[in-house]
Amino acid sequence: MTHGGVIGVVLDQWLGSATGDWVSWDPHNCAISVLDQVGDRWEGVLVNDISHLPADALADEKPTYHEG
């Protein structure tokens, strides 16, 4: 469990193109991401999964760091 910014950086580095654009991963609050190491690389088993959350717990609002 950690802050969304850290999750975004990890996903960008291990699953993405390592561009440093962590915001594009946009992790949801309370989302679950599970990564498996396969040899020398990482694979996303679950990425930004929110299926465990009830509908009334989901927010459509974007944080201010999305404003640019």
C-alpha atoms as a PDB file:
ATOM      1  CA  MET A   1       0.000   0.000   0.000  1.00  0.00           C
ATOM      2  CA  THR A   2       1.431   3.374  -0.997  1.00  0.00           C
ATOM      3  CA  HIS A   3       0.676   6.775  -2.517  1.00  0.00           C
ATOM      4  CA  GLY A   4      -0.619   6.944  -6.082  1.00  0.00           C
ATOM      5  CA  GLY A   5       2.423   8.901  -7.238  1.00  0.00           C
ATOM      6  CA  VAL A   6       4.740   6.097  -6.181  1.00  0.00           C
ATOM      7  CA  ILE A   7       2.469   3.526  -7.829  1.00  0.00           C
ATOM      8  CA  GLY A   8       2.470   5.560 -11.053  1.00  0.00           C
ATOM      9  CA  VAL A   9       6.275   5.756 -11.071  1.00  0.00           C
ATOM     10  CA  VAL A  10       6.617   2.003 -10.481  1.00  0.00           C
ATOM     11  CA  LEU A  11       4.123   1.169 -13.244  1.00  0.00           C
ATOM     12  CA  ASP A  12       5.840   3.566 -15.653  1.00  0.00           C
ATOM     13  CA  GLN A  13       9.289   2.130 -14.903  1.00  0.00           C
ATOM     14  CA  TRP A  14       8.399  -1.567 -14.789  1.00  0.00           C
ATOM     15  CA  LEU A  15       5.513  -1.858 -17.272  1.00  0.00           C
ATOM     16  CA  GLY A  16       5.678   1.288 -19.373  1.00  0.00           C
ATOM     17  CA  SER A  17       8.314   3.009 -21.438  1.00  0.00           C
ATOM     18  CA  ALA A  18      10.076   4.594 -18.422  1.00  0.00           C
ATOM     19  CA  THR A  19       9.323   8.089 -19.702  1.00  0.00           C
ATOM     20  CA  GLY A  20       8.820   9.561 -16.238  1.00  0.00           C
ATOM     21  CA  ASP A  21       5.181  10.344 -17.104  1.00  0.00           C
ATOM     22  CA  TRP A  22       3.717   8.716 -13.990  1.00  0.00           C
ATOM     23  CA  VAL A  23       0.537  10.824 -14.237  1.00  0.00           C
ATOM     24  CA  SER A  24      -0.556   8.959 -17.370  1.00  0.00           C
ATOM     25  CA  TRP A  25      -1.010   5.792 -15.269  1.00  0.00           C
ATOM     26  CA  ASP A  26      -3.605   7.665 -13.168  1.00  0.00           C
ATOM     27  CA  PRO A  27      -3.982   5.183 -10.291  1.00  0.00           C
ATOM     28  CA  HIS A  28      -7.435   5.236  -8.709  1.00  0.00           C
ATOM     29  CA  ASN A  29      -7.860   5.572  -4.969  1.00  0.00           C
ATOM     30  CA  CYS A  30      -7.933   2.107  -3.357  1.00  0.00           C
ATOM     31  CA  ALA A  31      -6.981   0.404  -6.644  1.00  0.00           C
ATOM     32  CA  ILE A  32      -5.040  -2.846  -6.561  1.00  0.00           C
ATOM     33  CA  SER A  33      -2.027  -3.493  -8.774  1.00  0.00           C
ATOM     34  CA  VAL A  34      -0.214  -6.816  -8.721  1.00  0.00           C
ATOM     35  CA  LEU A  35       3.031  -7.319 -10.638  1.00  0.00           C
ATOM     36  CA  ASP A  36       4.872 -10.597 -11.240  1.00  0.00           C
ATOM     37  CA  GLN A  37       8.562 -10.783 -12.025  1.00  0.00           C
ATOM     38  CA  VAL A  38       9.132 -13.081 -14.987  1.00  0.00           C
ATOM     39  CA  GLY A  39      12.830 -13.529 -15.657  1.00  0.00           C
ATOM     40  CA  ASP A  40      14.314 -10.049 -15.905  1.00  0.00           C
ATOM     41  CA  ARG A  41      11.043  -8.199 -16.571  1.00  0.00           C
ATOM     42  CA  TRP A  42       7.750  -7.445 -14.825  1.00  0.00           C
ATOM     43  CA  GLU A  43       4.230  -8.318 -15.969  1.00  0.00           C
ATOM     44  CA  GLY A  44       1.026  -6.734 -14.743  1.00  0.00           C
ATOM     45  CA  VAL A  45      -1.341  -9.351 -13.314  1.00  0.00           C
ATOM     46  CA  LEU A  46      -3.763  -6.649 -12.097  1.00  0.00           C
ATOM     47  CA  VAL A  47      -3.173  -3.000 -12.885  1.00  0.00           C
ATOM     48  CA  ASN A  48      -5.312  -0.269 -11.354  1.00  0.00           C
ATOM     49  CA  ASP A  49      -8.114  -2.741 -10.584  1.00  0.00           C
ATOM     50  CA  ILE A  50     -11.125  -1.247  -8.804  1.00  0.00           C
ATOM     51  CA  SER A  51     -13.605  -4.100  -9.241  1.00  0.00           C
ATOM     52  CA  HIS A  52     -13.676  -4.649  -5.466  1.00  0.00           C
ATOM     53  CA  LEU A  53     -15.074  -1.151  -4.833  1.00  0.00           C
ATOM     54  CA  PRO A  54     -18.798  -0.363  -4.700  1.00  0.00           C
ATOM     55  CA  ALA A  55     -20.032   2.052  -7.366  1.00  0.00           C
ATOM     56  CA  ASP A  56     -20.737   4.818  -4.852  1.00  0.00           C
ATOM     57  CA  ALA A  57     -17.065   4.754  -3.791  1.00  0.00           C
ATOM     58  CA  LEU A  58     -15.816   5.744  -7.260  1.00  0.00           C
ATOM     59  CA  ALA A  59     -15.032   9.355  -8.085  1.00  0.00           C
ATOM     60  CA  ASP A  60     -14.897  10.929 -11.531  1.00  0.00           C
ATOM     61  CA  GLU A  61     -12.946  13.957 -10.346  1.00  0.00           C
ATOM     62  CA  LYS A  62      -9.347  14.372 -11.480  1.00  0.00           C
ATOM     63  CA  PRO A  63      -6.694  15.662  -9.059  1.00  0.00           C
ATOM     64  CA  THR A  64      -5.228  19.098  -9.731  1.00  0.00           C
ATOM     65  CA  TYR A  65      -1.941  17.609 -11.005  1.00  0.00           C
ATOM     66  CA  HIS A  66      -3.877  16.687 -14.174  1.00  0.00           C
ATOM     67  CA  GLU A  67      -4.367  20.362 -14.969  1.00  0.00           C
ATOM     68  CA  GLY A  68      -1.725  21.578 -17.261  1.00  0.00           C
END
